[in-house]
Amino acid sequence: RLAGILWAMWRDGTVYDAAMAAKSGARGLRAAAQSTEQ
């Protein structure tokens, strides 16, 4: 699962967000809307 999350973060240009990672890993990260400050 870690491999999938690492790939999803790279694909989407996001940093790790525990709340979004809880939403089924890689698919959850795609929906992350992260602010510049975050």
Full PDB file with SEQRES, HELIX, SHEET, SSBOND, CRYST1, ORIGX, SCALE, CONECT and MASTER records, all heavy atoms in Angstrom:
SEQRES   1 A   38  ARG LEU ALA GLY ILE LEU TRP ALA MET TRP ARG ASP GLY          
SEQRES   2 A   38  THR VAL TYR ASP ALA ALA MET ALA ALA LYS SER GLY ALA          
SEQRES   3 A   38  ARG GLY LEU ARG ALA ALA ALA GLN SER THR GLU GLN              
HELIX    1 AA1 LEU A    2  ASP A   12  1                                  11    
HELIX    2 AA2 ALA A   18  ALA A   21  1                                   4    
HELIX    3 AA3 ALA A   26  ARG A   30  1                                   5    
CRYST1    1.000    1.000    1.000  90.00  90.00  90.00 P 1           1          
ORIGX1      1.000000  0.000000  0.000000        0.00000                         
ORIGX2      0.000000  1.000000  0.000000        0.00000                         
ORIGX3      0.000000  0.000000  1.000000        0.00000                         
SCALE1      1.000000  0.000000  0.000000        0.00000                         
SCALE2      0.000000  1.000000  0.000000        0.00000                         
SCALE3      0.000000  0.000000  1.000000        0.00000                         
ATOM      1  N   ARG A   1       0.827  -1.205   0.000  1.00  0.00           N  
ATOM      2  CA  ARG A   1       0.000   0.000   0.000  1.00  0.00           C  
ATOM      3  C   ARG A   1       0.863   1.258   0.000  1.00  0.00           C  
ATOM      4  O   ARG A   1       0.512   2.264  -0.621  1.00  0.00           O  
ATOM      5  CB  ARG A   1      -0.918  -0.004   1.219  1.00  0.00           C  
ATOM      6  CG  ARG A   1      -2.011   1.068   1.153  1.00  0.00           C  
ATOM      7  CD  ARG A   1      -3.116   0.774   2.128  1.00  0.00           C  
ATOM      8  NE  ARG A   1      -4.238   1.672   1.914  1.00  0.00           N  
ATOM      9  CZ  ARG A   1      -5.358   1.625   2.614  1.00  0.00           C  
ATOM     10  NH1 ARG A   1      -5.512   0.712   3.564  1.00  0.00           N  
ATOM     11  NH2 ARG A   1      -6.336   2.473   2.371  1.00  0.00           N  
ATOM     12  N   LEU A   2       1.995   1.200   0.687  1.00  0.00           N  
ATOM     13  CA  LEU A   2       2.918   2.333   0.708  1.00  0.00           C  
ATOM     14  C   LEU A   2       3.410   2.646  -0.701  1.00  0.00           C  
ATOM     15  O   LEU A   2       3.505   3.814  -1.089  1.00  0.00           O  
ATOM     16  CB  LEU A   2       4.094   2.012   1.632  1.00  0.00           C  
ATOM     17  CG  LEU A   2       5.208   3.059   1.717  1.00  0.00           C  
ATOM     18  CD1 LEU A   2       4.662   4.380   2.255  1.00  0.00           C  
ATOM     19  CD2 LEU A   2       6.346   2.552   2.602  1.00  0.00           C  
ATOM     20  N   ALA A   3       3.735   1.613  -1.477  1.00  0.00           N  
ATOM     21  CA  ALA A   3       4.184   1.824  -2.861  1.00  0.00           C  
ATOM     22  C   ALA A   3       3.119   2.541  -3.670  1.00  0.00           C  
ATOM     23  O   ALA A   3       3.418   3.463  -4.444  1.00  0.00           O  
ATOM     24  CB  ALA A   3       4.539   0.486  -3.505  1.00  0.00           C  
ATOM     25  N   GLY A   4       1.861   2.138  -3.490  1.00  0.00           N  
ATOM     26  CA  GLY A   4       0.770   2.793  -4.216  1.00  0.00           C  
ATOM     27  C   GLY A   4       0.587   4.240  -3.815  1.00  0.00           C  
ATOM     28  O   GLY A   4       0.336   5.108  -4.659  1.00  0.00           O  
ATOM     29  N   ILE A   5       0.738   4.525  -2.522  1.00  0.00           N  
ATOM     30  CA  ILE A   5       0.576   5.901  -2.043  1.00  0.00           C  
ATOM     31  C   ILE A   5       1.717   6.781  -2.538  1.00  0.00           C  
ATOM     32  O   ILE A   5       1.502   7.925  -2.961  1.00  0.00           O  
ATOM     33  CB  ILE A   5       0.472   5.923  -0.501  1.00  0.00           C  
ATOM     34  CG1 ILE A   5      -0.840   5.275  -0.052  1.00  0.00           C  
ATOM     35  CG2 ILE A   5       0.556   7.344   0.028  1.00  0.00           C  
ATOM     36  CD1 ILE A   5      -0.976   5.131   1.453  1.00  0.00           C  
ATOM     37  N   LEU A   6       2.944   6.260  -2.493  1.00  0.00           N  
ATOM     38  CA  LEU A   6       4.086   7.016  -3.008  1.00  0.00           C  
ATOM     39  C   LEU A   6       3.880   7.368  -4.477  1.00  0.00           C  
ATOM     40  O   LEU A   6       4.139   8.509  -4.899  1.00  0.00           O  
ATOM     41  CB  LEU A   6       5.369   6.196  -2.842  1.00  0.00           C  
ATOM     42  CG  LEU A   6       5.934   6.068  -1.424  1.00  0.00           C  
ATOM     43  CD1 LEU A   6       6.997   4.984  -1.369  1.00  0.00           C  
ATOM     44  CD2 LEU A   6       6.501   7.400  -0.935  1.00  0.00           C  
ATOM     45  N   TRP A   7       3.434   6.394  -5.251  1.00  0.00           N  
ATOM     46  CA  TRP A   7       3.199   6.640  -6.676  1.00  0.00           C  
ATOM     47  C   TRP A   7       2.097   7.688  -6.878  1.00  0.00           C  
ATOM     48  O   TRP A   7       2.234   8.594  -7.712  1.00  0.00           O  
ATOM     49  CB  TRP A   7       2.811   5.342  -7.372  1.00  0.00           C  
ATOM     50  CG  TRP A   7       2.284   5.552  -8.760  1.00  0.00           C  
ATOM     51  CD1 TRP A   7       3.002   5.815  -9.889  1.00  0.00           C  
ATOM     52  CD2 TRP A   7       0.911   5.552  -9.150  1.00  0.00           C  
ATOM     53  NE1 TRP A   7       2.164   5.964 -10.962  1.00  0.00           N  
ATOM     54  CE2 TRP A   7       0.874   5.806 -10.542  1.00  0.00           C  
ATOM     55  CE3 TRP A   7      -0.298   5.344  -8.469  1.00  0.00           C  
ATOM     56  CZ2 TRP A   7      -0.321   5.860 -11.261  1.00  0.00           C  
ATOM     57  CZ3 TRP A   7      -1.481   5.395  -9.180  1.00  0.00           C  
ATOM     58  CH2 TRP A   7      -1.491   5.660 -10.553  1.00  0.00           C  
ATOM     59  N   ALA A   8       1.017   7.583  -6.104  1.00  0.00           N  
ATOM     60  CA  ALA A   8      -0.102   8.525  -6.251  1.00  0.00           C  
ATOM     61  C   ALA A   8       0.304   9.950  -5.882  1.00  0.00           C  
ATOM     62  O   ALA A   8      -0.094  10.915  -6.535  1.00  0.00           O  
ATOM     63  CB  ALA A   8      -1.286   8.072  -5.397  1.00  0.00           C  
ATOM     64  N   MET A   9       1.112  10.097  -4.837  1.00  0.00           N  
ATOM     65  CA  MET A   9       1.604  11.419  -4.454  1.00  0.00           C  
ATOM     66  C   MET A   9       2.448  12.022  -5.575  1.00  0.00           C  
ATOM     67  O   MET A   9       2.326  13.210  -5.892  1.00  0.00           O  
ATOM     68  CB  MET A   9       2.431  11.319  -3.175  1.00  0.00           C  
ATOM     69  CG  MET A   9       1.627  11.020  -1.924  1.00  0.00           C  
ATOM     70  SD  MET A   9       2.679  10.564  -0.517  1.00  0.00           S  
ATOM     71  CE  MET A   9       3.764  11.980  -0.414  1.00  0.00           C  
ATOM     72  N   TRP A  10       3.292  11.205  -6.169  1.00  0.00           N  
ATOM     73  CA  TRP A  10       4.142  11.659  -7.272  1.00  0.00           C  
ATOM     74  C   TRP A  10       3.286  12.033  -8.475  1.00  0.00           C  
ATOM     75  O   TRP A  10       3.470  13.088  -9.091  1.00  0.00           O  
ATOM     76  CB  TRP A  10       5.115  10.541  -7.613  1.00  0.00           C  
ATOM     77  CG  TRP A  10       6.171  10.886  -8.615  1.00  0.00           C  
ATOM     78  CD1 TRP A  10       6.324  12.058  -9.286  1.00  0.00           C  
ATOM     79  CD2 TRP A  10       7.241  10.040  -9.041  1.00  0.00           C  
ATOM     80  NE1 TRP A  10       7.418  11.993 -10.126  1.00  0.00           N  
ATOM     81  CE2 TRP A  10       8.001  10.769  -9.987  1.00  0.00           C  
ATOM     82  CE3 TRP A  10       7.629   8.742  -8.724  1.00  0.00           C  
ATOM     83  CZ2 TRP A  10       9.118  10.228 -10.620  1.00  0.00           C  
ATOM     84  CZ3 TRP A  10       8.740   8.212  -9.341  1.00  0.00           C  
ATOM     85  CH2 TRP A  10       9.477   8.942 -10.284  1.00  0.00           C  
ATOM     86  N   ARG A  11       2.342  11.172  -8.800  1.00  0.00           N  
ATOM     87  CA  ARG A  11       1.469  11.412  -9.951  1.00  0.00           C  
ATOM     88  C   ARG A  11       0.700  12.723  -9.827  1.00  0.00           C  
ATOM     89  O   ARG A  11       0.586  13.486 -10.789  1.00  0.00           O  
ATOM     90  CB  ARG A  11       0.483  10.243 -10.081  1.00  0.00           C  
ATOM     91  CG  ARG A  11      -0.583  10.415 -11.155  1.00  0.00           C  
ATOM     92  CD  ARG A  11      -1.739   9.452 -10.902  1.00  0.00           C  
ATOM     93  NE  ARG A  11      -2.408   9.749  -9.638  1.00  0.00           N  
ATOM     94  CZ  ARG A  11      -3.318   8.961  -9.086  1.00  0.00           C  
ATOM     95  NH1 ARG A  11      -3.636   7.815  -9.657  1.00  0.00           N  
ATOM     96  NH2 ARG A  11      -3.900   9.309  -7.943  1.00  0.00           N  
ATOM     97  N   ASP A  12       0.199  12.996  -8.622  1.00  0.00           N  
ATOM     98  CA  ASP A  12      -0.673  14.156  -8.423  1.00  0.00           C  
ATOM     99  C   ASP A  12       0.053  15.371  -7.882  1.00  0.00           C  
ATOM    100  O   ASP A  12      -0.549  16.429  -7.719  1.00  0.00           O  
ATOM    101  CB  ASP A  12      -1.810  13.787  -7.466  1.00  0.00           C  
ATOM    102  CG  ASP A  12      -2.664  12.649  -7.996  1.00  0.00           C  
ATOM    103  OD1 ASP A  12      -2.699  12.461  -9.231  1.00  0.00           O  
ATOM    104  OD2 ASP A  12      -3.279  11.943  -7.189  1.00  0.00           O  
ATOM    105  N   GLY A  13       1.357  15.244  -7.569  1.00  0.00           N  
ATOM    106  CA  GLY A  13       2.102  16.376  -7.045  1.00  0.00           C  
ATOM    107  C   GLY A  13       1.653  16.801  -5.669  1.00  0.00           C  
ATOM    108  O   GLY A  13       1.684  17.988  -5.334  1.00  0.00           O  
ATOM    109  N   THR A  14       1.237  15.840  -4.837  1.00  0.00           N  
ATOM    110  CA  THR A  14       0.741  16.150  -3.501  1.00  0.00           C  
ATOM    111  C   THR A  14       1.715  15.690  -2.429  1.00  0.00           C  
ATOM    112  O   THR A  14       2.545  14.815  -2.668  1.00  0.00           O  
ATOM    113  CB  THR A  14      -0.617  15.465  -3.248  1.00  0.00           C  
ATOM    114  OG1 THR A  14      -0.473  14.054  -3.443  1.00  0.00           O  
ATOM    115  CG2 THR A  14      -1.673  15.996  -4.188  1.00  0.00           C  
ATOM    116  N   VAL A  15       1.607  16.264  -1.254  1.00  0.00           N  
ATOM    117  CA  VAL A  15       2.333  15.772  -0.091  1.00  0.00           C  
ATOM    118  C   VAL A  15       1.414  14.836   0.673  1.00  0.00           C  
ATOM    119  O   VAL A  15       0.218  14.732   0.382  1.00  0.00           O  
ATOM    120  CB  VAL A  15       2.799  16.941   0.816  1.00  0.00           C  
ATOM    121  CG1 VAL A  15       3.822  17.792   0.102  1.00  0.00           C  
ATOM    122  CG2 VAL A  15       1.609  17.796   1.271  1.00  0.00           C  
ATOM    123  N   TYR A  16       1.967  14.136   1.654  1.00  0.00           N  
ATOM    124  CA  TYR A  16       1.171  13.137   2.376  1.00  0.00           C  
ATOM    125  C   TYR A  16       0.117  13.807   3.232  1.00  0.00           C  
ATOM    126  O   TYR A  16       0.408  14.704   4.022  1.00  0.00           O  
ATOM    127  CB  TYR A  16       2.075  12.279   3.248  1.00  0.00           C  
ATOM    128  CG  TYR A  16       1.355  11.158   3.953  1.00  0.00           C  
ATOM    129  CD1 TYR A  16       0.789  10.120   3.224  1.00  0.00           C  
ATOM    130  CD2 TYR A  16       1.245  11.145   5.335  1.00  0.00           C  
ATOM    131  CE1 TYR A  16       0.128   9.088   3.861  1.00  0.00           C  
ATOM    132  CE2 TYR A  16       0.592  10.114   5.983  1.00  0.00           C  
ATOM    133  CZ  TYR A  16       0.032   9.089   5.249  1.00  0.00           C  
ATOM    134  OH  TYR A  16      -0.622   8.067   5.898  1.00  0.00           O  
ATOM    135  N   ASP A  17      -1.086  13.348   3.083  1.00  0.00           N  
ATOM    136  CA  ASP A  17      -2.221  13.844   3.860  1.00  0.00           C  
ATOM    137  C   ASP A  17      -2.894  12.623   4.469  1.00  0.00           C  
ATOM    138  O   ASP A  17      -3.532  11.838   3.766  1.00  0.00           O  
ATOM    139  CB  ASP A  17      -3.195  14.605   2.952  1.00  0.00           C  
ATOM    140  CG  ASP A  17      -4.333  15.245   3.734  1.00  0.00           C  
ATOM    141  OD1 ASP A  17      -4.658  14.745   4.820  1.00  0.00           O  
ATOM    142  OD2 ASP A  17      -4.892  16.239   3.247  1.00  0.00           O  
ATOM    143  N   ALA A  18      -2.747  12.464   5.782  1.00  0.00           N  
ATOM    144  CA  ALA A  18      -3.270  11.266   6.435  1.00  0.00           C  
ATOM    145  C   ALA A  18      -4.777  11.125   6.237  1.00  0.00           C  
ATOM    146  O   ALA A  18      -5.289  10.024   6.039  1.00  0.00           O  
ATOM    147  CB  ALA A  18      -2.942  11.311   7.933  1.00  0.00           C  
ATOM    148  N   ALA A  19      -5.494  12.246   6.275  1.00  0.00           N  
ATOM    149  CA  ALA A  19      -6.942  12.181   6.129  1.00  0.00           C  
ATOM    150  C   ALA A  19      -7.343  11.660   4.752  1.00  0.00           C  
ATOM    151  O   ALA A  19      -8.260  10.855   4.604  1.00  0.00           O  
ATOM    152  CB  ALA A  19      -7.557  13.555   6.368  1.00  0.00           C  
ATOM    153  N   MET A  20      -6.612  12.116   3.715  1.00  0.00           N  
ATOM    154  CA  MET A  20      -6.939  11.669   2.368  1.00  0.00           C  
ATOM    155  C   MET A  20      -6.437  10.249   2.130  1.00  0.00           C  
ATOM    156  O   MET A  20      -7.054   9.477   1.405  1.00  0.00           O  
ATOM    157  CB  MET A  20      -6.326  12.617   1.340  1.00  0.00           C  
ATOM    158  CG  MET A  20      -6.866  14.033   1.395  1.00  0.00           C  
ATOM    159  SD  MET A  20      -8.679  14.135   1.321  1.00  0.00           S  
ATOM    160  CE  MET A  20      -9.015  13.390  -0.272  1.00  0.00           C  
ATOM    161  N   ALA A  21      -5.318   9.883   2.754  1.00  0.00           N  
ATOM    162  CA  ALA A  21      -4.796   8.522   2.589  1.00  0.00           C  
ATOM    163  C   ALA A  21      -5.769   7.502   3.153  1.00  0.00           C  
ATOM    164  O   ALA A  21      -5.796   6.355   2.714  1.00  0.00           O  
ATOM    165  CB  ALA A  21      -3.443   8.391   3.268  1.00  0.00           C  
ATOM    166  N   ALA A  22      -6.567   7.918   4.126  1.00  0.00           N  
ATOM    167  CA  ALA A  22      -7.546   7.005   4.711  1.00  0.00           C  
ATOM    168  C   ALA A  22      -8.613   6.608   3.699  1.00  0.00           C  
ATOM    169  O   ALA A  22      -9.264   5.580   3.840  1.00  0.00           O  
ATOM    170  CB  ALA A  22      -8.210   7.655   5.923  1.00  0.00           C  
ATOM    171  N   LYS A  23      -8.786   7.421   2.660  1.00  0.00           N  
ATOM    172  CA  LYS A  23      -9.795   7.133   1.638  1.00  0.00           C  
ATOM    173  C   LYS A  23      -9.204   6.223   0.570  1.00  0.00           C  
ATOM    174  O   LYS A  23      -8.902   6.648  -0.544  1.00  0.00           O  
ATOM    175  CB  LYS A  23     -10.306   8.432   1.019  1.00  0.00           C  
ATOM    176  CG  LYS A  23     -11.002   9.354   2.001  1.00  0.00           C  
ATOM    177  CD  LYS A  23     -11.500  10.593   1.294  1.00  0.00           C  
ATOM    178  CE  LYS A  23     -12.225  11.539   2.250  1.00  0.00           C  
ATOM    179  NZ  LYS A  23     -12.700  12.752   1.564  1.00  0.00           N  
ATOM    180  N   SER A  24      -8.987   4.975   0.926  1.00  0.00           N  
ATOM    181  CA  SER A  24      -8.505   3.927   0.020  1.00  0.00           C  
ATOM    182  C   SER A  24      -7.225   4.283  -0.703  1.00  0.00           C  
ATOM    183  O   SER A  24      -7.105   4.072  -1.898  1.00  0.00           O  
ATOM    184  CB  SER A  24      -9.593   3.555  -0.999  1.00  0.00           C  
ATOM    185  OG  SER A  24      -9.911   4.643  -1.842  1.00  0.00           O  
ATOM    186  N   GLY A  25      -6.263   4.851   0.034  1.00  0.00           N  
ATOM    187  CA  GLY A  25      -4.902   4.990  -0.476  1.00  0.00           C  
ATOM    188  C   GLY A  25      -4.774   5.851  -1.700  1.00  0.00           C  
ATOM    189  O   GLY A  25      -5.082   7.037  -1.686  1.00  0.00           O  
ATOM    190  N   ALA A  26      -4.335   5.261  -2.793  1.00  0.00           N  
ATOM    191  CA  ALA A  26      -3.996   6.019  -3.995  1.00  0.00           C  
ATOM    192  C   ALA A  26      -5.193   6.760  -4.560  1.00  0.00           C  
ATOM    193  O   ALA A  26      -5.088   7.894  -5.016  1.00  0.00           O  
ATOM    194  CB  ALA A  26      -3.412   5.075  -5.051  1.00  0.00           C  
ATOM    195  N   ARG A  27      -6.370   6.133  -4.529  1.00  0.00           N  
ATOM    196  CA  ARG A  27      -7.549   6.807  -5.083  1.00  0.00           C  
ATOM    197  C   ARG A  27      -7.925   8.020  -4.247  1.00  0.00           C  
ATOM    198  O   ARG A  27      -8.386   9.032  -4.771  1.00  0.00           O  
ATOM    199  CB  ARG A  27      -8.727   5.825  -5.162  1.00  0.00           C  
ATOM    200  CG  ARG A  27      -8.532   4.741  -6.208  1.00  0.00           C  
ATOM    201  CD  ARG A  27      -9.814   3.949  -6.412  1.00  0.00           C  
ATOM    202  NE  ARG A  27     -10.208   3.245  -5.192  1.00  0.00           N  
ATOM    203  CZ  ARG A  27      -9.737   2.049  -4.845  1.00  0.00           C  
ATOM    204  NH1 ARG A  27      -8.844   1.459  -5.597  1.00  0.00           N  
ATOM    205  NH2 ARG A  27     -10.145   1.468  -3.743  1.00  0.00           N  
ATOM    206  N   GLY A  28      -7.723   7.917  -2.917  1.00  0.00           N  
ATOM    207  CA  GLY A  28      -8.051   9.048  -2.057  1.00  0.00           C  
ATOM    208  C   GLY A  28      -7.154  10.236  -2.306  1.00  0.00           C  
ATOM    209  O   GLY A  28      -7.598  11.377  -2.281  1.00  0.00           O  
ATOM    210  N   LEU A  29      -5.871   9.991  -2.571  1.00  0.00           N  
ATOM    211  CA  LEU A  29      -4.939  11.087  -2.773  1.00  0.00           C  
ATOM    212  C   LEU A  29      -5.249  11.875  -4.028  1.00  0.00           C  
ATOM    213  O   LEU A  29      -4.964  13.055  -4.121  1.00  0.00           O  
ATOM    214  CB  LEU A  29      -3.504  10.545  -2.844  1.00  0.00           C  
ATOM    215  CG  LEU A  29      -2.935  10.069  -1.499  1.00  0.00           C  
ATOM    216  CD1 LEU A  29      -1.580   9.422  -1.720  1.00  0.00           C  
ATOM    217  CD2 LEU A  29      -2.812  11.232  -0.532  1.00  0.00           C  
ATOM    218  N   ARG A  30      -5.823  11.222  -5.025  1.00  0.00           N  
ATOM    219  CA  ARG A  30      -6.128  11.932  -6.261  1.00  0.00           C  
ATOM    220  C   ARG A  30      -7.129  13.052  -6.001  1.00  0.00           C  
ATOM    221  O   ARG A  30      -7.125  14.079  -6.679  1.00  0.00           O  
ATOM    222  CB  ARG A  30      -6.682  10.959  -7.305  1.00  0.00           C  
ATOM    223  CG  ARG A  30      -7.322  11.643  -8.495  1.00  0.00           C  
ATOM    224  CD  ARG A  30      -7.281  10.764  -9.724  1.00  0.00           C  
ATOM    225  NE  ARG A  30      -6.021  10.928 -10.420  1.00  0.00           N  
ATOM    226  CZ  ARG A  30      -5.715  10.299 -11.550  1.00  0.00           C  
ATOM    227  NH1 ARG A  30      -6.546   9.454 -12.080  1.00  0.00           N  
ATOM    228  NH2 ARG A  30      -4.549  10.493 -12.132  1.00  0.00           N  
ATOM    229  N   ALA A  31      -7.995  12.881  -5.004  1.00  0.00           N  
ATOM    230  CA  ALA A  31      -9.014  13.882  -4.723  1.00  0.00           C  
ATOM    231  C   ALA A  31      -8.507  15.006  -3.826  1.00  0.00           C  
ATOM    232  O   ALA A  31      -9.227  15.933  -3.513  1.00  0.00           O  
ATOM    233  CB  ALA A  31     -10.219  13.218  -4.051  1.00  0.00           C  
ATOM    234  N   ALA A  32      -7.257  14.902  -3.385  1.00  0.00           N  
ATOM    235  CA  ALA A  32      -6.726  15.888  -2.443  1.00  0.00           C  
ATOM    236  C   ALA A  32      -6.573  17.248  -3.094  1.00  0.00           C  
ATOM    237  O   ALA A  32      -5.979  17.386  -4.143  1.00  0.00           O  
ATOM    238  CB  ALA A  32      -5.380  15.417  -1.891  1.00  0.00           C  
ATOM    239  N   ALA A  33      -7.137  18.272  -2.447  1.00  0.00           N  
ATOM    240  CA  ALA A  33      -6.957  19.652  -2.910  1.00  0.00           C  
ATOM    241  C   ALA A  33      -6.128  20.357  -1.852  1.00  0.00           C  
ATOM    242  O   ALA A  33      -6.647  20.817  -0.840  1.00  0.00           O  
ATOM    243  CB  ALA A  33      -8.317  20.328  -3.085  1.00  0.00           C  
ATOM    244  N   GLN A  34      -4.831  20.438  -2.067  1.00  0.00           N  
ATOM    245  CA  GLN A  34      -3.935  20.936  -1.040  1.00  0.00           C  
ATOM    246  C   GLN A  34      -3.552  22.382  -1.313  1.00  0.00           C  
ATOM    247  O   GLN A  34      -3.218  22.745  -2.430  1.00  0.00           O  
ATOM    248  CB  GLN A  34      -2.679  20.058  -0.977  1.00  0.00           C  
ATOM    249  CG  GLN A  34      -2.987  18.624  -0.572  1.00  0.00           C  
ATOM    250  CD  GLN A  34      -1.733  17.767  -0.540  1.00  0.00           C  
ATOM    251  OE1 GLN A  34      -0.787  18.026  -1.267  1.00  0.00           O  
ATOM    252  NE2 GLN A  34      -1.726  16.751   0.305  1.00  0.00           N  
ATOM    253  N   SER A  35      -3.566  23.139  -0.262  1.00  0.00           N  
ATOM    254  CA  SER A  35      -3.198  24.541  -0.377  1.00  0.00           C  
ATOM    255  C   SER A  35      -1.680  24.676  -0.437  1.00  0.00           C  
ATOM    256  O   SER A  35      -0.933  23.774  -0.065  1.00  0.00           O  
ATOM    257  CB  SER A  35      -3.733  25.323   0.816  1.00  0.00           C  
ATOM    258  OG  SER A  35      -3.074  24.910   2.003  1.00  0.00           O  
ATOM    259  N   THR A  36      -1.218  25.838  -0.897  1.00  0.00           N  
ATOM    260  CA  THR A  36       0.222  26.107  -0.940  1.00  0.00           C  
ATOM    261  C   THR A  36       0.813  26.060   0.451  1.00  0.00           C  
ATOM    262  O   THR A  36       1.922  25.542   0.664  1.00  0.00           O  
ATOM    263  CB  THR A  36       0.474  27.490  -1.565  1.00  0.00           C  
ATOM    264  OG1 THR A  36      -0.119  27.519  -2.867  1.00  0.00           O  
ATOM    265  CG2 THR A  36       1.961  27.769  -1.678  1.00  0.00           C  
ATOM    266  N   GLU A  37       0.080  26.580   1.438  1.00  0.00           N  
ATOM    267  CA  GLU A  37       0.573  26.599   2.810  1.00  0.00           C  
ATOM    268  C   GLU A  37       0.714  25.179   3.357  1.00  0.00           C  
ATOM    269  O   GLU A  37       1.677  24.852   4.051  1.00  0.00           O  
ATOM    270  CB  GLU A  37      -0.376  27.413   3.702  1.00  0.00           C  
ATOM    271  CG  GLU A  37      -0.411  28.900   3.402  1.00  0.00           C  
ATOM    272  CD  GLU A  37      -1.269  29.238   2.185  1.00  0.00           C  
ATOM    273  OE1 GLU A  37      -1.919  28.311   1.647  1.00  0.00           O  
ATOM    274  OE2 GLU A  37      -1.288  30.412   1.779  1.00  0.00           O  
ATOM    275  N   GLN A  38      -0.264  24.319   3.028  1.00  0.00           N  
ATOM    276  CA  GLN A  38      -0.226  22.943   3.498  1.00  0.00           C  
ATOM    277  C   GLN A  38       0.972  22.199   2.926  1.00  0.00           C  
ATOM    278  O   GLN A  38       1.680  21.493   3.641  1.00  0.00           O  
ATOM    279  CB  GLN A  38      -1.524  22.230   3.093  1.00  0.00           C  
ATOM    280  CG  GLN A  38      -1.616  20.797   3.587  1.00  0.00           C  
ATOM    281  CD  GLN A  38      -2.887  20.117   3.123  1.00  0.00           C  
ATOM    282  OE1 GLN A  38      -3.682  20.694   2.378  1.00  0.00           O  
ATOM    283  NE2 GLN A  38      -3.097  18.891   3.559  1.00  0.00           N  
TER     284      GLN A  38                                                      
MASTER        0    0    0    3    0    0    0    6  283    1    0    3          
END                                                                             
